[in-house]
PDB file of N, CA and C in Angstrom:
ATOM      1  N   UNK A   1     147.415  92.503 164.321  1.00  0.00           N
ATOM      2  CA  UNK A   1     146.605  91.648 163.469  1.00  0.00           C
ATOM      3  C   UNK A   1     145.470  92.316 162.897  1.00  0.00           C
ATOM      4  N   UNK A   2     144.779  93.159 163.768  1.00  0.00           N
ATOM      5  CA  UNK A   2     143.664  93.847 163.279  1.00  0.00           C
ATOM      6  C   UNK A   2     144.035  94.837 162.212  1.00  0.00           C
ATOM      7  N   UNK A   3     145.113  95.532 162.372  1.00  0.00           N
ATOM      8  CA  UNK A   3     145.554  96.513 161.400  1.00  0.00           C
ATOM      9  C   UNK A   3     145.940  95.766 160.050  1.00  0.00           C
ATOM     10  N   UNK A   4     146.510  94.697 160.110  1.00  0.00           N
ATOM     11  CA  UNK A   4     146.829  93.923 158.889  1.00  0.00           C
ATOM     12  C   UNK A   4     145.564  93.444 158.108  1.00  0.00           C
ATOM     13  N   UNK A   5     144.665  92.980 158.950  1.00  0.00           N
ATOM     14  CA  UNK A   5     143.410  92.433 158.330  1.00  0.00           C
ATOM     15  C   UNK A   5     142.614  93.629 157.720  1.00  0.00           C
ATOM     16  N   UNK A   6     142.542  94.773 158.401  1.00  0.00           N
ATOM     17  CA  UNK A   6     141.868  95.935 157.799  1.00  0.00           C
ATOM     18  C   UNK A   6     142.535  96.365 156.581  1.00  0.00           C
ATOM     19  N   UNK A   7     143.911  96.358 156.592  1.00  0.00           N
ATOM     20  CA  UNK A   7     144.692  96.813 155.423  1.00  0.00           C
ATOM     21  C   UNK A   7     144.343  95.828 154.267  1.00  0.00           C
ATOM     22  N   UNK A   8     144.256  94.588 154.526  1.00  0.00           N
ATOM     23  CA  UNK A   8     143.926  93.578 153.418  1.00  0.00           C
ATOM     24  C   UNK A   8     142.530  93.878 152.823  1.00  0.00           C
ATOM     25  N   UNK A   9     141.614  94.094 153.724  1.00  0.00           N
ATOM     26  CA  UNK A   9     140.206  94.340 153.288  1.00  0.00           C
ATOM     27  C   UNK A   9     140.147  95.583 152.538  1.00  0.00           C
ATOM     28  N   UNK A  10     140.750  96.550 152.860  1.00  0.00           N
ATOM     29  CA  UNK A  10     140.802  97.898 152.192  1.00  0.00           C
ATOM     30  C   UNK A  10     141.432  97.757 150.796  1.00  0.00           C
ATOM     31  N   UNK A  11     142.592  96.959 150.706  1.00  0.00           N
ATOM     32  CA  UNK A  11     143.215  96.686 149.447  1.00  0.00           C
ATOM     33  C   UNK A  11     142.346  95.888 148.571  1.00  0.00           C
ATOM     34  N   UNK A  12     141.649  94.854 149.130  1.00  0.00           N
ATOM     35  CA  UNK A  12     140.716  94.081 148.314  1.00  0.00           C
ATOM     36  C   UNK A  12     139.588  95.011 147.730  1.00  0.00           C
ATOM     37  N   UNK A  13     139.055  95.848 148.531  1.00  0.00           N
ATOM     38  CA  UNK A  13     138.022  96.772 148.089  1.00  0.00           C
ATOM     39  C   UNK A  13     138.439  97.643 147.038  1.00  0.00           C
ATOM     40  N   UNK A  14     139.663  98.187 147.199  1.00  0.00           N
ATOM     41  CA  UNK A  14     140.163  99.133 146.157  1.00  0.00           C
ATOM     42  C   UNK A  14     140.450  98.349 144.811  1.00  0.00           C
ATOM     43  N   UNK A  15     140.900  97.120 144.900  1.00  0.00           N
ATOM     44  CA  UNK A  15     141.121  96.334 143.686  1.00  0.00           C
ATOM     45  C   UNK A  15     139.785  96.115 142.940  1.00  0.00           C
ATOM     46  N   UNK A  16     138.733  95.755 143.719  1.00  0.00           N
ATOM     47  CA  UNK A  16     137.444  95.504 143.080  1.00  0.00           C
ATOM     48  C   UNK A  16     136.893  96.805 142.406  1.00  0.00           C
ATOM     49  N   UNK A  17     137.008  97.925 143.087  1.00  0.00           N
ATOM     50  CA  UNK A  17     136.572  99.147 142.540  1.00  0.00           C
ATOM     51  C   UNK A  17     137.428  99.599 141.370  1.00  0.00           C
ATOM     52  N   UNK A  18     138.640  99.332 141.399  1.00  0.00           N
ATOM     53  CA  UNK A  18     139.626  99.797 140.247  1.00  0.00           C
ATOM     54  C   UNK A  18     139.244  99.036 138.987  1.00  0.00           C
ATOM     55  N   UNK A  19     138.875  97.790 139.108  1.00  0.00           N
ATOM     56  CA  UNK A  19     138.488  97.072 137.901  1.00  0.00           C
ATOM     57  C   UNK A  19     137.145  97.543 137.322  1.00  0.00           C
ATOM     58  N   UNK A  20     136.235  97.973 138.175  1.00  0.00           N
ATOM     59  CA  UNK A  20     135.037  98.498 137.625  1.00  0.00           C
ATOM     60  C   UNK A  20     134.079  97.478 137.017  1.00  0.00           C
ATOM     61  N   UNK A  21     132.932  97.837 136.888  1.00  0.00           N
ATOM     62  CA  UNK A  21     131.993  96.889 136.198  1.00  0.00           C
ATOM     63  C   UNK A  21     132.423  96.632 134.708  1.00  0.00           C
ATOM     64  N   UNK A  22     132.279  95.528 134.212  1.00  0.00           N
ATOM     65  CA  UNK A  22     132.609  95.227 132.864  1.00  0.00           C
ATOM     66  C   UNK A  22     131.567  95.858 131.837  1.00  0.00           C
ATOM     67  N   UNK A  23     131.962  96.438 130.832  1.00  0.00           N
ATOM     68  CA  UNK A  23     131.106  97.073 129.839  1.00  0.00           C
ATOM     69  C   UNK A  23     130.442  96.111 128.960  1.00  0.00           C
ATOM     70  N   UNK A  24     129.499  96.516 128.155  1.00  0.00           N
ATOM     71  CA  UNK A  24     128.730  95.556 127.335  1.00  0.00           C
ATOM     72  C   UNK A  24     129.688  94.959 126.314  1.00  0.00           C
ATOM     73  N   UNK A  25     129.443  93.701 125.961  1.00  0.00           N
ATOM     74  CA  UNK A  25     130.280  93.092 125.049  1.00  0.00           C
ATOM     75  C   UNK A  25     129.877  93.547 123.512  1.00  0.00           C
ATOM     76  N   UNK A  26     130.749  93.159 122.578  1.00  0.00           N
ATOM     77  CA  UNK A  26     130.472  93.626 121.229  1.00  0.00           C
ATOM     78  C   UNK A  26     129.186  92.954 120.688  1.00  0.00           C
ATOM     79  N   UNK A  27     128.924  91.776 121.146  1.00  0.00           N
ATOM     80  CA  UNK A  27     127.615  91.083 120.692  1.00  0.00           C
ATOM     81  C   UNK A  27     126.397  91.814 121.204  1.00  0.00           C
ATOM     82  N   UNK A  28     126.486  92.299 122.503  1.00  0.00           N
ATOM     83  CA  UNK A  28     125.434  93.107 123.116  1.00  0.00           C
ATOM     84  C   UNK A  28     125.223  94.422 122.364  1.00  0.00           C
ATOM     85  N   UNK A  29     126.319  95.106 122.067  1.00  0.00           N
ATOM     86  CA  UNK A  29     126.241  96.237 121.335  1.00  0.00           C
ATOM     87  C   UNK A  29     125.671  96.148 119.940  1.00  0.00           C
ATOM     88  N   UNK A  30     126.035  95.002 119.256  1.00  0.00           N
ATOM     89  CA  UNK A  30     125.498  94.759 117.864  1.00  0.00           C
ATOM     90  C   UNK A  30     124.053  94.448 117.924  1.00  0.00           C
ATOM     91  N   UNK A  31     123.610  93.725 119.059  1.00  0.00           N
ATOM     92  CA  UNK A  31     122.221  93.411 119.181  1.00  0.00           C
ATOM     93  C   UNK A  31     121.325  94.625 119.386  1.00  0.00           C
ATOM     94  N   UNK A  32     121.872  95.455 120.140  1.00  0.00           N
ATOM     95  CA  UNK A  32     121.235  96.751 120.560  1.00  0.00           C
ATOM     96  C   UNK A  32     121.020  97.639 119.256  1.00  0.00           C
ATOM     97  N   UNK A  33     122.069  97.555 118.503  1.00  0.00           N
ATOM     98  CA  UNK A  33     122.049  98.455 117.228  1.00  0.00           C
ATOM     99  C   UNK A  33     121.101  97.864 116.220  1.00  0.00           C
ATOM    100  N   UNK A  34     121.074  96.489 116.132  1.00  0.00           N
ATOM    101  CA  UNK A  34     120.080  95.827 115.306  1.00  0.00           C
ATOM    102  C   UNK A  34     118.670  96.041 115.807  1.00  0.00           C
ATOM    103  N   UNK A  35     118.389  96.042 117.100  1.00  0.00           N
ATOM    104  CA  UNK A  35     117.104  96.311 117.632  1.00  0.00           C
ATOM    105  C   UNK A  35     116.669  97.676 117.286  1.00  0.00           C
ATOM    106  N   UNK A  36     117.590  98.677 117.470  1.00  0.00           N
ATOM    107  CA  UNK A  36     117.141 100.027 117.202  1.00  0.00           C
ATOM    108  C   UNK A  36     116.904 100.218 115.706  1.00  0.00           C
ATOM    109  N   UNK A  37     117.639  99.637 114.813  1.00  0.00           N
ATOM    110  CA  UNK A  37     117.354  99.696 113.382  1.00  0.00           C
ATOM    111  C   UNK A  37     116.019  99.103 113.060  1.00  0.00           C
ATOM    112  N   UNK A  38     115.768  97.915 113.632  1.00  0.00           N
ATOM    113  CA  UNK A  38     114.435  97.310 113.403  1.00  0.00           C
ATOM    114  C   UNK A  38     113.265  98.216 113.856  1.00  0.00           C
ATOM    115  N   UNK A  39     113.489  98.783 115.030  1.00  0.00           N
ATOM    116  CA  UNK A  39     112.415  99.654 115.531  1.00  0.00           C
ATOM    117  C   UNK A  39     112.274 100.893 114.698  1.00  0.00           C
ATOM    118  N   UNK A  40     113.351 101.543 114.153  1.00  0.00           N
ATOM    119  CA  UNK A  40     113.245 102.591 113.292  1.00  0.00           C
ATOM    120  C   UNK A  40     112.553 102.180 111.994  1.00  0.00           C
ATOM    121  N   UNK A  41     112.824 101.053 111.448  1.00  0.00           N
ATOM    122  CA  UNK A  41     112.208 100.565 110.273  1.00  0.00           C
ATOM    123  C   UNK A  41     110.744 100.385 110.431  1.00  0.00           C
ATOM    124  N   UNK A  42     110.325  99.755 111.571  1.00  0.00           N
ATOM    125  CA  UNK A  42     108.864  99.515 111.815  1.00  0.00           C
ATOM    126  C   UNK A  42     108.162 100.773 112.041  1.00  0.00           C
ATOM    127  N   UNK A  43     108.800 101.832 112.684  1.00  0.00           N
ATOM    128  CA  UNK A  43     108.202 103.081 112.776  1.00  0.00           C
ATOM    129  C   UNK A  43     107.975 103.797 111.465  1.00  0.00           C
ATOM    130  N   UNK A  44     109.014 103.678 110.634  1.00  0.00           N
ATOM    131  CA  UNK A  44     108.944 104.275 109.238  1.00  0.00           C
ATOM    132  C   UNK A  44     107.780 103.609 108.376  1.00  0.00           C
ATOM    133  N   UNK A  45     107.704 102.316 108.675  1.00  0.00           N
ATOM    134  CA  UNK A  45     106.561 101.619 107.916  1.00  0.00           C
ATOM    135  C   UNK A  45     105.255 102.039 108.413  1.00  0.00           C
ATOM    136  N   UNK A  46     105.086 102.256 109.735  1.00  0.00           N
ATOM    137  CA  UNK A  46     103.775 102.672 110.329  1.00  0.00           C
ATOM    138  C   UNK A  46     103.446 104.074 109.796  1.00  0.00           C
ATOM    139  N   UNK A  47     104.438 105.021 109.747  1.00  0.00           N
ATOM    140  CA  UNK A  47     104.240 106.348 109.240  1.00  0.00           C
ATOM    141  C   UNK A  47     103.910 106.307 107.777  1.00  0.00           C
ATOM    142  N   UNK A  48     104.519 105.365 106.932  1.00  0.00           N
ATOM    143  CA  UNK A  48     104.189 105.389 105.500  1.00  0.00           C
ATOM    144  C   UNK A  48     102.803 104.908 105.348  1.00  0.00           C
ATOM    145  N   UNK A  49     102.343 103.966 106.097  1.00  0.00           N
ATOM    146  CA  UNK A  49     101.025 103.442 106.021  1.00  0.00           C
ATOM    147  C   UNK A  49      99.963 104.547 106.406  1.00  0.00           C
ATOM    148  N   UNK A  50     100.308 105.301 107.424  1.00  0.00           N
ATOM    149  CA  UNK A  50      99.439 106.377 107.882  1.00  0.00           C
ATOM    150  C   UNK A  50      99.396 107.502 106.781  1.00  0.00           C
ATOM    151  N   UNK A  51     100.444 107.765 106.096  1.00  0.00           N
ATOM    152  CA  UNK A  51     100.491 108.771 105.063  1.00  0.00           C
ATOM    153  C   UNK A  51      99.645 108.297 103.890  1.00  0.00           C
ATOM    154  N   UNK A  52      99.634 107.027 103.569  1.00  0.00           N
ATOM    155  CA  UNK A  52      98.926 106.393 102.456  1.00  0.00           C
ATOM    156  C   UNK A  52      97.447 106.466 102.786  1.00  0.00           C
ATOM    157  N   UNK A  53      97.082 106.123 104.029  1.00  0.00           N
ATOM    158  CA  UNK A  53      95.698 106.203 104.439  1.00  0.00           C
ATOM    159  C   UNK A  53      95.116 107.643 104.378  1.00  0.00           C
ATOM    160  N   UNK A  54      95.901 108.624 104.777  1.00  0.00           N
ATOM    161  CA  UNK A  54      95.546 110.033 104.747  1.00  0.00           C
ATOM    162  C   UNK A  54      95.386 110.380 103.223  1.00  0.00           C
ATOM    163  N   UNK A  55      96.275 109.987 102.433  1.00  0.00           N
ATOM    164  CA  UNK A  55      96.088 110.371 100.972  1.00  0.00           C
ATOM    165  C   UNK A  55      94.787 109.700 100.390  1.00  0.00           C
ATOM    166  N   UNK A  56      94.521 108.493 100.801  1.00  0.00           N
ATOM    167  CA  UNK A  56      93.254 107.847 100.335  1.00  0.00           C
ATOM    168  C   UNK A  56      92.054 108.564 100.820  1.00  0.00           C
ATOM    169  N   UNK A  57      92.088 109.012 102.091  1.00  0.00           N
ATOM    170  CA  UNK A  57      90.922 109.750 102.565  1.00  0.00           C
ATOM    171  C   UNK A  57      90.732 111.019 101.832  1.00  0.00           C
ATOM    172  N   UNK A  58      91.831 111.791 101.517  1.00  0.00           N
ATOM    173  CA  UNK A  58      91.835 113.011 100.816  1.00  0.00           C
ATOM    174  C   UNK A  58      91.207 112.798  99.412  1.00  0.00           C
ATOM    175  N   UNK A  59      91.695 111.677  98.758  1.00  0.00           N
ATOM    176  CA  UNK A  59      91.141 111.336  97.452  1.00  0.00           C
ATOM    177  C   UNK A  59      89.620 111.137  97.505  1.00  0.00           C
ATOM    178  N   UNK A  60      89.193 110.417  98.489  1.00  0.00           N
ATOM    179  CA  UNK A  60      87.751 110.124  98.634  1.00  0.00           C
ATOM    180  C   UNK A  60      86.924 111.304  98.854  1.00  0.00           C
ATOM    181  N   UNK A  61      87.495 112.260  99.800  1.00  0.00           N
ATOM    182  CA  UNK A  61      86.742 113.501 100.025  1.00  0.00           C
ATOM    183  C   UNK A  61      86.694 114.343  98.895  1.00  0.00           C
ATOM    184  N   UNK A  62      87.704 114.396  98.097  1.00  0.00           N
ATOM    185  CA  UNK A  62      87.770 115.214  96.849  1.00  0.00           C
ATOM    186  C   UNK A  62      86.684 114.649  95.854  1.00  0.00           C
ATOM    187  N   UNK A  63      86.643 113.341  95.686  1.00  0.00           N
ATOM    188  CA  UNK A  63      85.622 112.787  94.832  1.00  0.00           C
ATOM    189  C   UNK A  63      84.175 113.018  95.225  1.00  0.00           C
ATOM    190  N   UNK A  64      84.011 113.033  96.634  1.00  0.00           N
ATOM    191  CA  UNK A  64      82.636 113.249  97.195  1.00  0.00           C
ATOM    192  C   UNK A  64      82.334 114.735  96.890  1.00  0.00           C
ATOM    193  N   UNK A  65      83.278 115.642  97.065  1.00  0.00           N
ATOM    194  CA  UNK A  65      83.035 116.964  96.825  1.00  0.00           C
ATOM    195  C   UNK A  65      82.650 117.244  95.379  1.00  0.00           C
ATOM    196  N   UNK A  66      83.382 116.559  94.463  1.00  0.00           N
ATOM    197  CA  UNK A  66      83.191 116.732  93.050  1.00  0.00           C
ATOM    198  C   UNK A  66      81.755 116.296  92.707  1.00  0.00           C
ATOM    199  N   UNK A  67      81.329 115.197  93.316  1.00  0.00           N
ATOM    200  CA  UNK A  67      80.033 114.683  93.019  1.00  0.00           C
ATOM    201  C   UNK A  67      78.937 115.626  93.590  1.00  0.00           C
ATOM    202  N   UNK A  68      79.196 116.176  94.789  1.00  0.00           N
ATOM    203  CA  UNK A  68      78.227 117.080  95.346  1.00  0.00           C
ATOM    204  C   UNK A  68      78.114 118.326  94.529  1.00  0.00           C
ATOM    205  N   UNK A  69      79.246 118.803  93.997  1.00  0.00           N
ATOM    206  CA  UNK A  69      79.316 120.043  93.219  1.00  0.00           C
ATOM    207  C   UNK A  69      78.517 119.815  91.925  1.00  0.00           C
ATOM    208  N   UNK A  70      78.695 118.635  91.281  1.00  0.00           N
ATOM    209  CA  UNK A  70      78.076 118.307  90.005  1.00  0.00           C
ATOM    210  C   UNK A  70      76.518 118.190  90.241  1.00  0.00           C
ATOM    211  N   UNK A  71      76.111 117.593  91.403  1.00  0.00           N
ATOM    212  CA  UNK A  71      74.673 117.518  91.696  1.00  0.00           C
ATOM    213  C   UNK A  71      74.124 118.941  91.959  1.00  0.00           C
ATOM    214  N   UNK A  72      74.865 119.830  92.542  1.00  0.00           N
ATOM    215  CA  UNK A  72      74.339 121.061  92.857  1.00  0.00           C
ATOM    216  C   UNK A  72      74.202 121.911  91.521  1.00  0.00           C
ATOM    217  N   UNK A  73      75.170 121.669  90.582  1.00  0.00           N
ATOM    218  CA  UNK A  73      75.168 122.436  89.383  1.00  0.00           C
ATOM    219  C   UNK A  73      74.177 121.863  88.338  1.00  0.00           C
ATOM    220  N   UNK A  74      73.698 120.703  88.587  1.00  0.00           N
ATOM    221  CA  UNK A  74      72.751 120.065  87.576  1.00  0.00           C
ATOM    222  C   UNK A  74      71.548 120.982  87.523  1.00  0.00           C
ATOM    223  N   UNK A  75      70.986 121.016  86.226  1.00  0.00           N
ATOM    224  CA  UNK A  75      69.761 121.922  86.076  1.00  0.00           C
ATOM    225  C   UNK A  75      68.555 121.174  86.832  1.00  0.00           C
ATOM    226  N   UNK A  76      67.741 122.017  87.365  1.00  0.00           N
ATOM    227  CA  UNK A  76      66.587 121.501  88.007  1.00  0.00           C
ATOM    228  C   UNK A  76      65.477 121.203  87.002  1.00  0.00           C
ATOM    229  N   UNK A  77      65.037 119.970  87.048  1.00  0.00           N
ATOM    230  CA  UNK A  77      63.932 119.550  86.130  1.00  0.00           C
ATOM    231  C   UNK A  77      62.558 119.454  86.773  1.00  0.00           C
ATOM    232  N   UNK A  78      61.552 119.563  86.016  1.00  0.00           N
ATOM    233  CA  UNK A  78      60.142 119.409  86.605  1.00  0.00           C
ATOM    234  C   UNK A  78      59.986 118.007  86.930  1.00  0.00           C
ATOM    235  N   UNK A  79      59.203 117.780  87.996  1.00  0.00           N
ATOM    236  CA  UNK A  79      58.828 116.521  88.358  1.00  0.00           C
ATOM    237  C   UNK A  79      57.756 115.967  87.317  1.00  0.00           C
ATOM    238  N   UNK A  80      57.945 114.782  86.953  1.00  0.00           N
ATOM    239  CA  UNK A  80      57.005 114.170  85.985  1.00  0.00           C
ATOM    240  C   UNK A  80      55.981 113.392  86.768  1.00  0.00           C
ATOM    241  N   UNK A  81      54.764 113.349  86.177  1.00  0.00           N
ATOM    242  CA  UNK A  81      53.771 112.530  86.793  1.00  0.00           C
ATOM    243  C   UNK A  81      54.050 111.110  86.634  1.00  0.00           C
ATOM    244  N   UNK A  82      53.474 110.387  87.591  1.00  0.00           N
ATOM    245  CA  UNK A  82      53.727 108.917  87.587  1.00  0.00           C
ATOM    246  C   UNK A  82      52.949 108.410  86.263  1.00  0.00           C
ATOM    247  N   UNK A  83      53.560 107.444  85.686  1.00  0.00           N
ATOM    248  CA  UNK A  83      52.749 106.858  84.561  1.00  0.00           C
ATOM    249  C   UNK A  83      51.514 106.225  84.951  1.00  0.00           C
ATOM    250  N   UNK A  84      50.492 106.372  84.188  1.00  0.00           N
ATOM    251  CA  UNK A  84      49.224 105.829  84.523  1.00  0.00           C
ATOM    252  C   UNK A  84      49.031 104.463  83.787  1.00  0.00           C
ATOM    253  N   UNK A  85      48.142 103.750  84.232  1.00  0.00           N
ATOM    254  CA  UNK A  85      47.798 102.479  83.526  1.00  0.00           C
ATOM    255  C   UNK A  85      47.184 102.786  82.158  1.00  0.00           C
ATOM    256  N   UNK A  86      47.497 102.049  81.223  1.00  0.00           N
ATOM    257  CA  UNK A  86      46.795 102.310  79.938  1.00  0.00           C
ATOM    258  C   UNK A  86      45.341 102.061  80.066  1.00  0.00           C
ATOM    259  N   UNK A  87      44.545 102.874  79.292  1.00  0.00           N
ATOM    260  CA  UNK A  87      43.148 102.713  79.365  1.00  0.00           C
ATOM    261  C   UNK A  87      42.760 101.698  78.317  1.00  0.00           C
ATOM    262  N   UNK A  88      42.022 100.738  78.756  1.00  0.00           N
ATOM    263  CA  UNK A  88      41.575  99.689  77.793  1.00  0.00           C
ATOM    264  C   UNK A  88      40.168  99.995  77.373  1.00  0.00           C
ATOM    265  N   UNK A  89      39.911 100.070  76.163  1.00  0.00           N
ATOM    266  CA  UNK A  89      38.604 100.431  75.566  1.00  0.00           C
ATOM    267  C   UNK A  89      37.725  99.187  75.685  1.00  0.00           C
ATOM    268  N   UNK A  90      36.475  99.385  75.874  1.00  0.00           N
ATOM    269  CA  UNK A  90      35.576  98.203  75.953  1.00  0.00           C
ATOM    270  C   UNK A  90      35.569  97.502  74.561  1.00  0.00           C
ATOM    271  N   UNK A  91      35.353  96.229  74.587  1.00  0.00           N
ATOM    272  CA  UNK A  91      35.235  95.382  73.381  1.00  0.00           C
ATOM    273  C   UNK A  91      36.622  95.319  72.660  1.00  0.00           C
ATOM    274  N   UNK A  92      37.651  95.410  73.331  1.00  0.00           N
ATOM    275  CA  UNK A  92      38.885  95.248  72.657  1.00  0.00           C
ATOM    276  C   UNK A  92      39.682  94.149  73.316  1.00  0.00           C
ATOM    277  N   UNK A  93      40.430  93.468  72.560  1.00  0.00           N
ATOM    278  CA  UNK A  93      41.215  92.351  73.098  1.00  0.00           C
ATOM    279  C   UNK A  93      42.407  92.893  73.797  1.00  0.00           C
ATOM    280  N   UNK A  94      42.713  92.330  74.955  1.00  0.00           N
ATOM    281  CA  UNK A  94      43.845  92.693  75.725  1.00  0.00           C
ATOM    282  C   UNK A  94      44.950  91.736  75.406  1.00  0.00           C
ATOM    283  N   UNK A  95      46.144  92.285  75.030  1.00  0.00           N
ATOM    284  CA  UNK A  95      47.111  91.390  74.595  1.00  0.00           C
ATOM    285  C   UNK A  95      47.546  90.403  75.546  1.00  0.00           C
ATOM    286  N   UNK A  96      47.707  89.197  75.249  1.00  0.00           N
ATOM    287  CA  UNK A  96      48.106  88.134  76.092  1.00  0.00           C
ATOM    288  C   UNK A  96      46.978  87.414  76.728  1.00  0.00           C
ATOM    289  N   UNK A  97      45.800  87.819  76.562  1.00  0.00           N
ATOM    290  CA  UNK A  97      44.584  87.091  77.058  1.00  0.00           C
ATOM    291  C   UNK A  97      43.727  86.609  75.894  1.00  0.00           C
ATOM    292  N   UNK A  98      43.305  85.439  75.765  1.00  0.00           N
ATOM    293  CA  UNK A  98      42.739  84.824  74.588  1.00  0.00           C
ATOM    294  C   UNK A  98      41.429  85.220  74.323  1.00  0.00           C
TER     295      UNK A  98
END
């Protein structure tokens, strides 16, 4: 009886192993494919945004360099004196005062 029982147990284990684990279903495979496509699209969008930001920074830096170069190339002018108050001669009417 022990031998028969051991034989049945071994036959049962072999049948479980022979069937093997069930693979992923078509729905699961389709979901994984959709997820990977969505991930790839979001990564591409982030990379495109980063490229656009880098281009904007390069444009701003070029504009700043252009302005700095034009300031450096501008002719140096003499400093002018601060305007002084007009001198009012005695016995003259000041405009706006009666």
